[in-house]
Amino acid sequence: MPFRALGLDPRILQAVQEQGYTEPTPIQSAAIPKILAGQDLIGIAQTGTGKTAAFTLPILTKLAAIIGNGQQRGTKALVIAPTRELAVQIEENVRAYARHLPLRVATVFGGVGERPQIDALRAGTHMIIACPGRLLDLMDRRCGDFSGLNFLVLDEADRMLDMGFLPSIRQVIKSIPRQRQTLLFSATLSKEIELLTHEFQQAPKLVQIGRRSNPAETVTQWVYEIPKHLKPSLLIHLLRDPTMNMVLVFSRMKHSADRIARRLDQEGIRTATLHSNRSQNQRLKALKDFKSGDVRVLVATDIAARGIDVDGISHVVNYDFPMQVEDYVHRIGRTGRAHAVGDAISFVTSEDHDELRALERFIGRGIVRKKAEGFDYTQSAPPSEGDSDRRRQPRHQGGAVHHKAGNSSKPKSAPQRGGRHFKPR
């Protein structure tokens, strides 16, 4: 089925063709007619299958008719996304598809100056793409006019509803018209979260492409069982393979992401980081450098990496195995996008076996275990933090002074360096 058979506005069809797209993906073929018919919808499909176009193309078609009829007052479409990166990428897609329409689009999220966002809201920009925190803050300050809102989209719906955004989403929804079309899209959606969607939608239609527990079928998945202390060495060893030319590494914690990046940089592997402690400019630069190939490896945390839409990612590495099976599905979906092939590698320590078994039950099959050829698995662990601290402690002149538990005696004086009391780090 070609795009022209879906009933889209001719100007949008022209823009789609200029983007090089000829036929819609399954999620687009299934969702677009229902959205054009005015139905609320829950769309579930694997990452990289064109979900953004599945909701933006029909909304833009309907907005073109609204604007053409002279209904200009206030914002007409609101798209809410969990991360700044995803909001920016949605905006880029909307601008490409709406290039031949007299449509005003703006983003609203934290980490940048709020004045342009306030101006866009007050000007009644046709489509706003926002993150919940900054949006709610500006709405509380009566910025913007949503009284004529026609469309609400929750993208990455499971993440927003399941990871602390639910109160903010409820507050936003209280401030917009009840008569609207509401769309929820995600790669995964649990039954528990699906029940919550009935708060926001009217008799929603479910469009599901593939089994919701299936990771991308074009991704080859491997597990490397490895002691925790060998994970940095194994990552460096694997990156000697030149086919790992565009690698997304997932870390559980922000400080761990920084530590991994420093280690790779020391080995001459150009690396960038993406997590919530980075400024918006730093995050955008990291994505830009990764897309352009200026850096080979991008180390990211889960929440910051939601919505990363980068073509050509050759490998995803779960440096820290995810605690939630849904996060695994989202992570590996960053490669093998749009029916391309990719590889997903997971480092699994003895502490991760329960999570690995839960994942295999979720996807309905085992994941192949693999050994890294030529890697020395016998390397001893480095000294622990406690051992390092003990080595750094100063010796008292005349021999070490030992204190037993319950001994109330104290050393007569503390050693000094440069006139200051010296304390072990």
Protein backbone atom coordinates (compact mmCIF):
# COMPACT_ATOMS: atom_id res chain seq x y z
CA MET A 1 0.00 0.00 0.00
CA PRO A 2 1.51 3.38 -0.99
CA PHE A 3 1.29 6.46 1.22
CA ARG A 4 -1.13 8.11 -1.21
CA ALA A 5 -3.74 5.42 -0.39
CA LEU A 6 -3.89 6.51 3.28
CA GLY A 7 -5.75 9.78 2.75
CA LEU A 8 -2.98 12.18 3.74
CA ASP A 9 -2.85 15.82 2.67
CA PRO A 10 -1.11 16.17 -0.76
CA ARG A 11 1.43 18.63 0.66
CA ILE A 12 2.39 16.10 3.33
CA LEU A 13 2.65 13.35 0.72
CA GLN A 14 5.05 15.57 -1.22
CA ALA A 15 7.21 16.08 1.88
CA VAL A 16 7.19 12.34 2.62
CA GLN A 17 8.37 11.60 -0.91
CA GLU A 18 11.10 14.23 -0.57
CA GLN A 19 12.27 12.36 2.53
CA GLY A 20 12.70 9.26 0.38
CA TYR A 21 9.82 7.21 1.82
CA THR A 22 7.70 5.22 -0.62
CA GLU A 23 5.60 2.78 1.41
CA PRO A 24 4.30 2.99 4.96
CA THR A 25 5.48 0.61 7.65
CA PRO A 26 2.97 -1.79 9.25
CA ILE A 27 2.37 0.47 12.26
CA GLN A 28 1.77 3.42 9.91
CA SER A 29 -0.62 1.46 7.67
CA ALA A 30 -2.61 0.30 10.69
CA ALA A 31 -2.65 3.52 12.74
CA ILE A 32 -2.99 6.34 10.22
CA PRO A 33 -6.53 5.50 8.96
CA LYS A 34 -7.83 5.12 12.53
CA ILE A 35 -6.32 8.45 13.58
CA LEU A 36 -7.72 10.18 10.50
CA ALA A 37 -11.12 8.71 11.47
CA GLY A 38 -10.86 10.51 14.83
CA GLN A 39 -10.40 7.48 17.06
CA ASP A 40 -8.32 7.39 20.24
CA LEU A 41 -5.52 4.89 19.79
CA ILE A 42 -2.87 2.86 21.63
CA GLY A 43 -0.03 2.02 19.25
CA ILE A 44 2.53 -0.64 20.15
CA ALA A 45 5.38 -1.53 17.84
CA GLN A 46 9.07 -2.25 18.06
CA THR A 47 11.55 0.59 18.13
CA GLY A 48 12.61 1.81 14.71
CA THR A 49 9.36 0.91 12.93
CA GLY A 50 8.15 4.45 12.24
CA LYS A 51 5.88 5.20 15.19
CA THR A 52 6.63 8.93 15.09
CA ALA A 53 5.35 9.24 11.51
CA ALA A 54 2.39 7.03 12.44
CA PHE A 55 0.98 9.80 14.63
CA THR A 56 2.51 12.96 13.13
CA LEU A 57 1.37 12.40 9.53
CA PRO A 58 -2.37 12.06 10.27
CA ILE A 59 -2.28 14.85 12.88
CA LEU A 60 -0.60 17.17 10.36
CA THR A 61 -3.25 16.27 7.78
CA LYS A 62 -6.02 17.20 10.21
CA LEU A 63 -4.18 20.34 11.34
CA ALA A 64 -3.87 21.44 7.71
CA ALA A 65 -7.66 21.32 7.42
CA ILE A 66 -8.16 23.17 10.74
CA ILE A 67 -5.74 25.93 9.78
CA GLY A 68 -7.28 26.14 6.31
CA ASN A 69 -10.67 26.76 7.90
CA GLY A 70 -9.27 29.74 9.79
CA GLN A 71 -9.27 28.15 13.26
CA GLN A 72 -6.00 29.76 14.27
CA ARG A 73 -6.49 30.54 17.97
CA GLY A 74 -4.37 28.63 20.49
CA THR A 75 -2.35 25.44 20.36
CA LYS A 76 -4.09 22.60 18.52
CA ALA A 77 -1.74 19.64 19.11
CA LEU A 78 0.34 18.71 22.15
CA VAL A 79 2.92 15.91 22.05
CA ILE A 80 4.45 14.91 25.39
CA ALA A 81 7.72 12.95 25.47
CA PRO A 82 9.87 11.81 28.42
CA THR A 83 13.24 13.22 27.31
CA ARG A 84 14.60 16.33 25.67
CA GLU A 85 16.35 14.27 23.00
CA LEU A 86 13.11 12.60 21.94
CA ALA A 87 11.27 15.94 21.90
CA VAL A 88 13.93 17.41 19.59
CA GLN A 89 13.79 14.41 17.27
CA ILE A 90 10.00 14.56 17.04
CA GLU A 91 10.25 18.26 16.22
CA GLU A 92 12.76 17.51 13.44
CA ASN A 93 10.38 14.96 11.93
CA VAL A 94 7.39 17.29 12.18
CA ARG A 95 9.26 20.12 10.50
CA ALA A 96 10.31 17.79 7.66
CA TYR A 97 6.77 16.49 7.08
CA ALA A 98 5.16 19.94 7.45
CA ARG A 99 7.64 21.81 5.29
CA HIS A 100 4.92 22.75 2.78
CA LEU A 101 2.34 23.74 5.42
CA PRO A 102 1.90 27.14 7.17
CA LEU A 103 2.42 25.39 10.50
CA ARG A 104 4.18 26.73 13.60
CA VAL A 105 5.99 24.17 15.77
CA ALA A 106 7.94 24.60 19.02
CA THR A 107 9.53 22.50 21.77
CA VAL A 108 9.19 22.98 25.53
CA PHE A 109 11.68 21.31 27.90
CA GLY A 110 14.11 22.11 30.69
CA GLY A 111 17.83 22.71 30.51
CA VAL A 112 17.51 25.72 28.20
CA GLY A 113 16.19 29.26 28.49
CA GLU A 114 12.45 29.48 28.95
CA ARG A 115 11.77 32.84 27.25
CA PRO A 116 11.49 31.49 23.65
CA GLN A 117 9.24 28.71 24.95
CA ILE A 118 6.97 31.18 26.78
CA ASP A 119 6.76 33.30 23.64
CA ALA A 120 5.83 30.24 21.53
CA LEU A 121 3.11 29.20 23.97
CA ARG A 122 1.64 32.66 24.21
CA ALA A 123 1.69 33.03 20.43
CA GLY A 124 -0.59 30.01 20.10
CA THR A 125 1.92 27.84 18.23
CA HIS A 126 -0.03 25.15 16.38
CA MET A 127 1.94 22.15 17.68
CA ILE A 128 3.91 21.96 20.93
CA ILE A 129 6.28 19.07 21.66
CA ALA A 130 7.11 19.06 25.36
CA CYS A 131 8.59 17.26 28.34
CA PRO A 132 6.22 17.11 31.33
CA GLY A 133 8.23 19.09 33.91
CA ARG A 134 8.82 22.34 32.04
CA LEU A 135 5.39 22.16 30.37
CA LEU A 136 3.57 21.91 33.69
CA ASP A 137 5.64 24.73 35.15
CA LEU A 138 4.74 27.07 32.30
CA MET A 139 1.10 26.01 32.30
CA ASP A 140 0.90 26.77 36.03
CA ARG A 141 2.11 30.27 35.16
CA ARG A 142 -0.74 30.57 32.63
CA CYS A 143 1.52 30.53 29.60
CA GLY A 144 -0.22 29.35 26.47
CA ASP A 145 -3.79 28.74 25.34
CA PHE A 146 -4.86 25.09 25.25
CA SER A 147 -8.61 25.74 25.32
CA GLY A 148 -8.91 24.72 21.67
CA LEU A 149 -6.60 21.70 21.84
CA ASN A 150 -7.64 18.94 19.44
CA PHE A 151 -4.87 16.35 19.79
CA LEU A 152 -2.85 14.95 22.70
CA VAL A 153 -0.05 12.42 22.12
CA LEU A 154 1.86 10.58 24.83
CA ASP A 155 4.99 9.17 23.19
CA GLU A 156 7.00 6.50 25.03
CA ALA A 157 3.83 6.19 27.10
CA ASP A 158 5.01 3.32 29.28
CA ARG A 159 8.06 5.25 30.47
CA MET A 160 6.13 8.37 31.31
CA LEU A 161 3.36 6.58 33.16
CA ASP A 162 5.54 4.01 34.88
CA MET A 163 8.57 6.07 35.93
CA GLY A 164 7.19 8.96 37.94
CA PHE A 165 5.57 11.14 35.28
CA LEU A 166 2.00 10.06 36.05
CA PRO A 167 1.25 12.93 38.50
CA SER A 168 2.52 15.51 36.01
CA ILE A 169 0.57 13.95 33.15
CA ARG A 170 -2.61 14.03 35.24
CA GLN A 171 -2.04 17.71 36.04
CA VAL A 172 -1.53 18.58 32.38
CA ILE A 173 -4.65 16.67 31.34
CA LYS A 174 -6.76 18.55 33.90
CA SER A 175 -5.84 21.76 32.09
CA ILE A 176 -6.84 20.71 28.56
CA PRO A 177 -10.25 20.05 26.99
CA ARG A 178 -11.97 16.73 27.65
CA GLN A 179 -13.14 16.62 24.04
CA ARG A 180 -9.94 15.77 22.20
CA GLN A 181 -8.27 12.90 20.39
CA THR A 182 -5.68 11.13 22.57
CA LEU A 183 -2.98 8.86 21.19
CA LEU A 184 -0.48 6.73 23.13
CA PHE A 185 2.53 5.16 21.43
CA SER A 186 5.27 2.94 22.77
CA ALA A 187 7.48 -0.04 22.01
CA THR A 188 6.25 -1.75 25.18
CA LEU A 189 3.12 -1.36 27.26
CA SER A 190 2.37 -3.53 30.28
CA LYS A 191 -1.16 -4.63 31.11
CA GLU A 192 -1.02 -2.62 34.34
CA ILE A 193 -0.08 0.58 32.54
CA GLU A 194 -2.63 -0.11 29.81
CA LEU A 195 -5.34 0.06 32.47
CA LEU A 196 -4.22 3.58 33.38
CA THR A 197 -4.70 4.76 29.81
CA HIS A 198 -8.47 4.52 30.24
CA GLU A 199 -8.20 7.61 32.44
CA PHE A 200 -7.08 9.58 29.40
CA GLN A 201 -8.81 7.99 26.41
CA GLN A 202 -12.30 7.28 25.12
CA ALA A 203 -12.77 3.69 23.84
CA PRO A 204 -9.24 3.53 22.42
CA LYS A 205 -8.40 1.22 19.53
CA LEU A 206 -5.35 -0.99 20.04
CA VAL A 207 -2.89 -1.31 17.18
CA GLN A 208 -0.17 -3.82 17.96
CA ILE A 209 2.48 -4.88 15.48
CA GLY A 210 4.12 -8.14 16.56
CA ARG A 211 4.09 -9.62 20.06
CA ARG A 212 4.68 -6.93 22.65
CA SER A 213 7.35 -9.07 24.36
CA ASN A 214 9.40 -9.45 21.16
CA PRO A 215 12.61 -7.47 20.83
CA ALA A 216 13.50 -6.45 17.29
CA GLU A 217 13.75 -9.59 15.17
CA THR A 218 16.62 -8.13 13.14
CA VAL A 219 18.87 -7.86 16.21
CA THR A 220 21.27 -10.70 17.05
CA GLN A 221 21.55 -11.04 20.83
CA TRP A 222 24.51 -12.35 22.84
CA VAL A 223 25.30 -12.73 26.53
CA TYR A 224 28.85 -12.59 27.89
CA GLU A 225 29.03 -13.98 31.42
CA ILE A 226 31.82 -12.03 33.06
CA PRO A 227 33.08 -11.10 36.54
CA LYS A 228 32.24 -7.52 37.38
CA HIS A 229 35.86 -6.39 37.55
CA LEU A 230 36.54 -7.59 33.99
CA LYS A 231 33.77 -5.61 32.31
CA PRO A 232 35.99 -2.61 31.38
CA SER A 233 38.68 -4.87 29.91
CA LEU A 234 36.13 -6.93 27.97
CA LEU A 235 34.53 -3.83 26.48
CA ILE A 236 37.90 -2.56 25.29
CA HIS A 237 38.73 -6.02 23.90
CA LEU A 238 35.46 -6.19 21.94
CA LEU A 239 35.93 -2.68 20.58
CA ARG A 240 39.10 -3.83 18.82
CA ASP A 241 36.70 -5.35 16.28
CA PRO A 242 36.44 -2.77 13.46
CA THR A 243 32.88 -3.87 12.67
CA MET A 244 31.84 -2.28 15.98
CA ASN A 245 31.94 1.10 14.29
CA MET A 246 28.96 2.82 15.90
CA VAL A 247 28.37 1.54 19.41
CA LEU A 248 25.81 2.57 22.02
CA VAL A 249 26.82 1.47 25.54
CA PHE A 250 24.25 1.44 28.32
CA SER A 251 25.22 2.12 31.92
CA ARG A 252 22.85 1.96 34.87
CA MET A 253 24.27 4.99 36.69
CA LYS A 254 25.43 8.43 35.56
CA HIS A 255 28.79 8.27 37.37
CA SER A 256 29.42 4.85 35.85
CA ALA A 257 28.78 6.26 32.36
CA ASP A 258 31.39 8.95 32.96
CA ARG A 259 33.87 6.37 34.28
CA ILE A 260 33.39 4.13 31.23
CA ALA A 261 33.89 7.08 28.88
CA ARG A 262 37.10 8.13 30.62
CA ARG A 263 38.50 4.61 30.38
CA LEU A 264 37.69 4.34 26.68
CA ASP A 265 39.20 7.77 25.99
CA GLN A 266 42.39 6.61 27.70
CA GLU A 267 42.50 3.74 25.23
CA GLY A 268 42.18 6.13 22.28
CA ILE A 269 38.51 5.30 21.60
CA ARG A 270 36.59 8.50 20.95
CA THR A 271 33.59 8.49 23.30
CA ALA A 272 30.74 10.78 24.35
CA THR A 273 28.27 10.51 27.24
CA LEU A 274 24.55 11.11 27.46
CA HIS A 275 22.83 11.38 30.84
CA SER A 276 20.71 13.79 32.84
CA ASN A 277 23.66 15.53 34.52
CA ARG A 278 24.85 16.80 31.16
CA SER A 279 23.60 20.20 30.00
CA GLN A 280 21.25 20.36 27.04
CA ASN A 281 24.03 21.71 24.79
CA GLN A 282 26.34 18.90 25.89
CA ARG A 283 23.66 16.29 25.22
CA LEU A 284 22.87 17.68 21.78
CA LYS A 285 26.57 17.82 20.90
CA ALA A 286 27.06 14.21 22.05
CA LEU A 287 24.24 13.07 19.78
CA LYS A 288 25.50 15.19 16.89
CA ASP A 289 29.06 13.84 17.20
CA PHE A 290 27.74 10.27 17.44
CA LYS A 291 25.53 10.66 14.38
CA SER A 292 28.34 12.22 12.35
CA GLY A 293 30.90 9.61 13.35
CA ASP A 294 33.15 12.05 15.20
CA VAL A 295 32.81 9.73 18.19
CA ARG A 296 32.62 5.97 17.83
CA VAL A 297 31.00 5.16 21.18
CA LEU A 298 28.13 6.84 23.01
CA VAL A 299 27.70 5.86 26.68
CA ALA A 300 24.18 6.54 27.96
CA THR A 301 21.77 5.86 30.78
CA ASP A 302 18.27 4.53 30.12
CA ILE A 303 16.20 7.64 30.67
CA ALA A 304 18.54 9.89 28.65
CA ALA A 305 18.68 7.40 25.78
CA ARG A 306 14.91 7.05 25.37
CA GLY A 307 14.02 8.17 21.89
CA ILE A 308 17.53 8.08 20.43
CA ASP A 309 16.84 7.75 16.71
CA VAL A 310 20.22 7.29 15.05
CA ASP A 311 20.55 5.33 11.84
CA GLY A 312 23.42 2.90 11.50
CA ILE A 313 24.09 1.90 15.13
CA SER A 314 26.01 -1.35 14.65
CA HIS A 315 26.00 -2.59 18.25
CA VAL A 316 24.26 -2.00 21.54
CA VAL A 317 26.23 -3.07 24.63
CA ASN A 318 24.44 -3.58 27.93
CA TYR A 319 27.48 -2.85 30.08
CA ASP A 320 25.15 -2.93 33.09
CA PHE A 321 22.38 -5.45 32.61
CA PRO A 322 18.96 -3.75 32.89
CA MET A 323 16.81 -4.42 35.92
CA GLN A 324 13.55 -4.15 33.93
CA VAL A 325 12.79 -6.29 30.90
CA GLU A 326 11.10 -3.34 29.18
CA ASP A 327 14.37 -1.40 29.37
CA TYR A 328 16.15 -4.27 27.61
CA VAL A 329 13.64 -4.13 24.75
CA HIS A 330 14.10 -0.37 24.39
CA ARG A 331 17.87 -0.59 24.61
CA ILE A 332 18.41 -3.19 21.91
CA GLY A 333 15.85 -1.48 19.70
CA ARG A 334 18.38 1.31 19.15
CA THR A 335 20.09 -1.00 16.62
CA GLY A 336 18.44 -3.01 13.87
CA ARG A 337 16.17 -0.05 13.15
CA ALA A 338 13.82 0.06 10.18
CA HIS A 339 14.61 -3.57 9.30
CA ALA A 340 18.38 -3.06 9.31
CA VAL A 341 20.49 -5.64 11.15
CA GLY A 342 22.38 -5.10 14.40
CA ASP A 343 23.94 -6.82 17.39
CA ALA A 344 23.08 -6.56 21.07
CA ILE A 345 25.70 -7.63 23.60
CA SER A 346 24.96 -7.99 27.31
CA PHE A 347 27.52 -8.30 30.10
CA VAL A 348 26.06 -10.51 32.81
CA THR A 349 27.67 -10.90 36.23
CA SER A 350 26.73 -13.35 38.96
CA GLU A 351 24.47 -10.62 40.39
CA ASP A 352 22.45 -10.39 37.17
CA HIS A 353 21.29 -13.99 36.76
CA ASP A 354 17.81 -13.40 38.18
CA GLU A 355 17.22 -10.50 35.78
CA LEU A 356 18.54 -12.55 32.86
CA ARG A 357 16.17 -15.42 33.63
CA ALA A 358 13.27 -12.98 33.93
CA LEU A 359 14.14 -11.53 30.54
CA GLU A 360 14.33 -14.94 28.88
CA ARG A 361 10.92 -15.83 30.29
CA PHE A 362 9.56 -12.53 29.01
CA ILE A 363 10.80 -12.99 25.44
CA GLY A 364 10.03 -16.71 25.45
CA ARG A 365 13.50 -18.02 24.61
CA GLY A 366 17.06 -18.23 25.82
CA ILE A 367 19.81 -15.85 24.72
CA VAL A 368 23.00 -17.40 23.38
CA ARG A 369 26.00 -17.32 25.75
CA LYS A 370 29.30 -16.43 24.17
CA LYS A 371 33.00 -16.26 25.05
CA ALA A 372 35.22 -13.50 23.73
CA GLU A 373 37.93 -15.08 21.61
CA GLY A 374 41.42 -14.16 22.79
CA PHE A 375 40.26 -12.52 26.01
CA ASP A 376 42.02 -13.41 29.27
CA TYR A 377 39.31 -14.36 31.76
CA THR A 378 41.90 -15.15 34.47
CA GLN A 379 42.83 -11.54 35.20
CA SER A 380 42.73 -10.88 38.94
CA ALA A 381 40.49 -8.24 40.44
CA PRO A 382 42.07 -4.86 41.22
CA PRO A 383 42.38 -3.87 44.91
CA SER A 384 39.06 -2.96 46.47
CA GLU A 385 38.29 0.58 47.55
CA GLY A 386 38.88 -0.39 51.15
CA ASP A 387 42.30 -1.84 50.32
CA SER A 388 43.23 1.30 48.42
CA ASP A 389 42.16 3.47 51.31
CA ARG A 390 44.22 1.43 53.75
CA ARG A 391 47.30 1.73 51.56
CA ARG A 392 46.91 5.49 51.42
CA GLN A 393 46.70 5.92 55.18
CA PRO A 394 49.86 7.58 56.62
CA ARG A 395 52.16 5.77 58.96
CA HIS A 396 52.89 7.41 62.32
CA GLN A 397 56.52 8.00 63.09
CA GLY A 398 57.94 5.33 65.33
CA GLY A 399 55.53 2.69 64.03
CA ALA A 400 51.79 2.46 63.31
CA VAL A 401 49.36 3.20 66.10
CA HIS A 402 46.56 0.63 66.35
CA HIS A 403 43.27 1.22 68.20
CA LYS A 404 41.04 -1.61 69.24
CA ALA A 405 37.29 -1.25 69.43
CA GLY A 406 36.35 0.26 72.76
CA ASN A 407 39.83 1.69 73.38
CA SER A 408 39.38 5.29 74.46
CA SER A 409 43.03 6.25 74.08
CA LYS A 410 43.89 8.72 71.28
CA PRO A 411 47.12 9.56 69.49
CA LYS A 412 48.89 12.51 71.00
CA SER A 413 49.12 14.38 67.72
CA ALA A 414 48.17 14.02 64.11
CA PRO A 415 50.81 14.07 61.37
CA GLN A 416 50.91 17.26 59.34
CA ARG A 417 51.78 18.21 55.77
CA GLY A 418 52.43 21.80 54.89
CA GLY A 419 51.05 22.97 58.24
CA ARG A 420 47.65 21.26 57.70
CA HIS A 421 46.23 18.14 59.26
CA PHE A 422 46.54 15.35 56.76
CA LYS A 423 43.56 12.98 56.47
CA PRO A 424 43.40 9.80 54.44
CA ARG A 425 41.22 10.23 51.34
